[in-house]
C-alpha atoms as a PDB file:
ATOM      1  CA  MET A   1      -0.080   0.175  -0.061  1.00  0.00           C
ATOM      2  CA  SER A   2       2.714   2.531   0.766  1.00  0.00           C
ATOM      3  CA  ASP A   3       4.337   1.906  -2.621  1.00  0.00           C
ATOM      4  CA  ARG A   4       1.101   2.702  -4.322  1.00  0.00           C
ATOM      5  CA  LEU A   5       0.768   5.912  -2.298  1.00  0.00           C
ATOM      6  CA  ALA A   6       4.586   6.941  -2.988  1.00  0.00           C
ATOM      7  CA  LEU A   7       3.870   6.494  -6.600  1.00  0.00           C
ATOM      8  CA  LEU A   8       0.882   8.470  -6.490  1.00  0.00           C
ATOM      9  CA  ALA A   9       2.524  11.482  -4.505  1.00  0.00           C
ATOM     10  CA  ALA A  10       5.315  11.263  -7.096  1.00  0.00           C
ATOM     11  CA  ALA A  11       3.038  11.350  -9.917  1.00  0.00           C
ATOM     12  CA  LEU A  12       0.914  14.292  -8.417  1.00  0.00           C
ATOM     13  CA  TRP A  13       4.145  16.342  -7.917  1.00  0.00           C
ATOM     14  CA  TRP A  14       5.554  15.681 -11.216  1.00  0.00           C
ATOM     15  CA  GLY A  15       2.204  16.161 -13.133  1.00  0.00           C
ATOM     16  CA  THR A  16       1.263  19.287 -11.417  1.00  0.00           C
ATOM     17  CA  LEU A  17       4.811  20.801 -12.073  1.00  0.00           C
ATOM     18  CA  SER A  18       4.210  19.627 -15.825  1.00  0.00           C
ATOM     19  CA  ALA A  19       0.741  21.225 -15.773  1.00  0.00           C
ATOM     20  CA  VAL A  20       1.843  24.558 -14.459  1.00  0.00           C
ATOM     21  CA  ILE A  21       4.900  25.027 -16.412  1.00  0.00           C
ATOM     22  CA  GLY A  22       3.690  23.363 -19.674  1.00  0.00           C
ATOM     23  CA  PHE A  23       0.291  24.524 -19.956  1.00  0.00           C
ATOM     24  CA  VAL A  24      -1.137  26.897 -17.376  1.00  0.00           C
ATOM     25  CA  VAL A  25       1.325  29.724 -17.198  1.00  0.00           C
ATOM     26  CA  PRO A  26       1.940  29.982 -20.993  1.00  0.00           C
ATOM     27  CA  LEU A  27      -2.006  30.082 -21.593  1.00  0.00           C
ATOM     28  CA  LEU A  28      -2.147  32.787 -18.911  1.00  0.00           C
ATOM     29  CA  PHE A  29       0.382  34.946 -20.928  1.00  0.00           C
ATOM     30  CA  ARG A  30      -1.655  34.251 -24.143  1.00  0.00           C
ATOM     31  CA  LEU A  31      -5.130  34.555 -22.832  1.00  0.00           C
ATOM     32  CA  LEU A  32      -5.195  37.300 -20.081  1.00  0.00           C
ATOM     33  CA  PRO A  33      -5.461  40.878 -21.387  1.00  0.00           C
ATOM     34  CA  SER A  34      -2.147  42.189 -19.829  1.00  0.00           C
ATOM     35  CA  LYS A  35       1.283  40.616 -19.094  1.00  0.00           C
ATOM     36  CA  ALA A  36       0.972  42.224 -15.609  1.00  0.00           C
ATOM     37  CA  LEU A  37      -2.224  40.364 -14.647  1.00  0.00           C
ATOM     38  CA  ALA A  38      -0.759  37.174 -16.135  1.00  0.00           C
ATOM     39  CA  GLY A  39       2.326  37.588 -14.012  1.00  0.00           C
ATOM     40  CA  GLN A  40       0.348  38.070 -11.027  1.00  0.00           C
ATOM     41  CA  THR A  41      -1.736  35.009 -11.647  1.00  0.00           C
ATOM     42  CA  ALA A  42       1.149  32.887 -12.336  1.00  0.00           C
ATOM     43  CA  ALA A  43       2.621  34.126  -9.137  1.00  0.00           C
ATOM     44  CA  VAL A  44      -0.184  32.697  -7.178  1.00  0.00           C
ATOM     45  CA  LEU A  45      -0.156  29.309  -9.140  1.00  0.00           C
ATOM     46  CA  PHE A  46       3.644  28.925  -8.377  1.00  0.00           C
ATOM     47  CA  THR A  47       2.947  29.604  -4.635  1.00  0.00           C
ATOM     48  CA  ALA A  48       0.242  26.851  -4.656  1.00  0.00           C
ATOM     49  CA  GLN A  49       2.834  24.665  -6.581  1.00  0.00           C
ATOM     50  CA  ALA A  50       5.456  25.234  -4.070  1.00  0.00           C
ATOM     51  CA  TRP A  51       3.133  23.845  -1.351  1.00  0.00           C
ATOM     52  CA  VAL A  52       2.035  21.125  -3.417  1.00  0.00           C
ATOM     53  CA  SER A  53       5.553  19.986  -3.920  1.00  0.00           C
ATOM     54  CA  LEU A  54       6.258  20.395  -0.091  1.00  0.00           C
ATOM     55  CA  VAL A  55       3.435  18.155   0.799  1.00  0.00           C
ATOM     56  CA  CYS A  56       4.087  15.508  -1.847  1.00  0.00           C
ATOM     57  CA  GLY A  57       7.823  15.507  -0.970  1.00  0.00           C
ATOM     58  CA  ALA A  58       7.073  14.996   2.809  1.00  0.00           C
ATOM     59  CA  LEU A  59       4.670  12.427   2.162  1.00  0.00           C
ATOM     60  CA  LEU A  60       7.555  10.732  -0.144  1.00  0.00           C
ATOM     61  CA  LEU A  61      10.119  11.008   2.777  1.00  0.00           C
ATOM     62  CA  LEU A  62       7.606   9.545   5.103  1.00  0.00           C
ATOM     63  CA  LEU A  63       6.591   6.526   2.838  1.00  0.00           C
ATOM     64  CA  LEU A  64      10.349   5.929   1.481  1.00  0.00           C
ATOM     65  CA  ARG A  65      12.462   6.213   4.594  1.00  0.00           C
ATOM     66  CA  GLY A  66      12.436   2.558   5.734  1.00  0.00           C
ATOM     67  CA  ARG A  67      13.859   1.372   2.148  1.00  0.00           C
ATOM     68  CA  ALA A  68      16.970   3.445   2.641  1.00  0.00           C
ATOM     69  CA  GLY A  69      17.456   3.086   6.390  1.00  0.00           C
ATOM     70  CA  ALA A  70      17.693  -0.885   7.072  1.00  0.00           C
ATOM     71  CA  ALA A  71      19.049  -1.685   4.053  1.00  0.00           C
ATOM     72  CA  GLY A  72      21.192   1.125   3.224  1.00  0.00           C
ATOM     73  CA  GLU A  73      20.245   0.800  -0.399  1.00  0.00           C
ATOM     74  CA  VAL A  74      22.197   3.446  -2.545  1.00  0.00           C
ATOM     75  CA  ARG A  75      19.208   3.514  -5.060  1.00  0.00           C
ATOM     76  CA  ALA A  76      16.650   4.333  -2.314  1.00  0.00           C
ATOM     77  CA  ARG A  77      18.864   6.842  -0.638  1.00  0.00           C
ATOM     78  CA  THR A  78      19.412   8.620  -4.107  1.00  0.00           C
ATOM     79  CA  THR A  79      15.754   8.586  -4.517  1.00  0.00           C
ATOM     80  CA  LEU A  80      15.562  10.280  -0.826  1.00  0.00           C
ATOM     81  CA  GLY A  81      18.216  12.752  -1.874  1.00  0.00           C
ATOM     82  CA  LEU A  82      16.190  13.621  -5.095  1.00  0.00           C
ATOM     83  CA  VAL A  83      12.995  14.269  -3.063  1.00  0.00           C
ATOM     84  CA  MET A  84      14.879  16.408  -0.601  1.00  0.00           C
ATOM     85  CA  ALA A  85      16.604  18.271  -3.439  1.00  0.00           C
ATOM     86  CA  GLY A  86      13.204  18.850  -5.157  1.00  0.00           C
ATOM     87  CA  MET A  87      11.683  20.203  -1.972  1.00  0.00           C
ATOM     88  CA  LEU A  88      14.771  22.426  -1.143  1.00  0.00           C
ATOM     89  CA  LEU A  89      14.387  23.699  -4.808  1.00  0.00           C
ATOM     90  CA  ALA A  90      10.604  24.481  -4.207  1.00  0.00           C
ATOM     91  CA  LEU A  91      11.585  26.567  -0.835  1.00  0.00           C
ATOM     92  CA  LEU A  92      14.270  28.466  -2.700  1.00  0.00           C
ATOM     93  CA  ILE A  93      11.971  29.440  -5.608  1.00  0.00           C
ATOM     94  CA  GLU A  94       9.015  30.450  -3.027  1.00  0.00           C
ATOM     95  CA  PHE A  95      11.118  32.370  -0.534  1.00  0.00           C
ATOM     96  CA  ALA A  96      14.287  33.455  -2.304  1.00  0.00           C
ATOM     97  CA  VAL A  97      13.633  33.750  -6.160  1.00  0.00           C
ATOM     98  CA  ALA A  98      10.028  34.650  -6.180  1.00  0.00           C
ATOM     99  CA  PRO A  99      10.225  37.879  -3.989  1.00  0.00           C
ATOM    100  CA  ARG A 100      12.875  39.200  -6.347  1.00  0.00           C
ATOM    101  CA  ILE A 101      10.562  38.664  -9.300  1.00  0.00           C
ATOM    102  CA  VAL A 102       7.804  40.294  -7.979  1.00  0.00           C
ATOM    103  CA  ALA A 103       9.743  43.240  -6.779  1.00  0.00           C
ATOM    104  CA  ARG A 104      11.134  43.196 -10.157  1.00  0.00           C
ATOM    105  CA  VAL A 105      14.831  43.101  -8.813  1.00  0.00           C
ATOM    106  CA  ASN A 106      17.073  42.251 -11.729  1.00  0.00           C
ATOM    107  CA  LEU A 107      14.169  40.449 -13.402  1.00  0.00           C
ATOM    108  CA  PRO A 108      16.129  38.711 -15.992  1.00  0.00           C
ATOM    109  CA  LEU A 109      18.587  37.269 -13.676  1.00  0.00           C
ATOM    110  CA  TRP A 110      15.889  36.177 -11.156  1.00  0.00           C
ATOM    111  CA  HIS A 111      13.585  34.863 -13.703  1.00  0.00           C
ATOM    112  CA  GLY A 112      16.216  32.829 -15.401  1.00  0.00           C
ATOM    113  CA  LEU A 113      17.333  31.234 -12.267  1.00  0.00           C
ATOM    114  CA  GLY A 114      13.826  30.716 -10.935  1.00  0.00           C
ATOM    115  CA  THR A 115      13.146  29.005 -14.266  1.00  0.00           C
ATOM    116  CA  ALA A 116      16.329  26.835 -14.178  1.00  0.00           C
ATOM    117  CA  MET A 117      15.440  25.967 -10.606  1.00  0.00           C
ATOM    118  CA  PHE A 118      12.020  24.731 -11.534  1.00  0.00           C
ATOM    119  CA  ALA A 119      13.390  22.773 -14.310  1.00  0.00           C
ATOM    120  CA  LEU A 120      15.490  20.953 -11.789  1.00  0.00           C
ATOM    121  CA  GLN A 121      12.731  20.320  -9.578  1.00  0.00           C
ATOM    122  CA  TRP A 122      10.682  18.930 -12.625  1.00  0.00           C
ATOM    123  CA  LEU A 123      13.702  16.565 -13.314  1.00  0.00           C
ATOM    124  CA  CYS A 124      14.042  15.511  -9.712  1.00  0.00           C
ATOM    125  CA  ALA A 125      10.254  14.708  -9.496  1.00  0.00           C
ATOM    126  CA  GLY A 126      10.622  12.871 -12.934  1.00  0.00           C
ATOM    127  CA  VAL A 127      13.255  10.683 -11.850  1.00  0.00           C
ATOM    128  CA  VAL A 128      11.570   9.698  -8.442  1.00  0.00           C
ATOM    129  CA  LEU A 129       8.421   9.057 -10.506  1.00  0.00           C
ATOM    130  CA  TRP A 130      10.391   6.894 -12.984  1.00  0.00           C
ATOM    131  CA  ARG A 131      12.163   5.102 -10.213  1.00  0.00           C
ATOM    132  CA  LEU A 132       8.784   4.251  -7.952  1.00  0.00           C
ATOM    133  CA  GLY A 133       6.983   3.459 -11.491  1.00  0.00           C
ATOM    134  CA  GLY A 134       9.467   0.413 -11.894  1.00  0.00           C
ATOM    135  CA  THR A 135       8.762  -3.015 -11.171  1.00  0.00           C
ATOM    136  CA  PRO A 136       7.173  -3.550  -7.724  1.00  0.00           C
ATOM    137  CA  ARG A 137       8.890  -5.360  -4.899  1.00  0.00           C
ATOM    138  CA  ARG A 138       7.141  -8.426  -3.332  1.00  0.00           C
END
């Protein structure tokens, strides 16, 4: 049961990251009447996404901690490391990068850094999902 919950949490994490950056935010900038309004709306979505990432990551840490603890399996430890890295990236984006973007402080630098960090978080979540979606253990 915990394997299925972990897979579900990883799928939710990766899927919401993919939806926000792949569909929703580009549509906001295409459909809303101003870039300022689209940016404000995107900021709210990115905040919500950060919290989804943290909740999914915390759930994954709880569900997967036993795999790496007793056996000391390198793959399981790496997976936990990817979860923690993704959670750290979500926190950094939300509390270090986003406030600078909203304040328009050196916007090209912070927007580029935020985009790169979001992409890294997406990769972390994707690798975790890929690993958990493999052949189930019995």
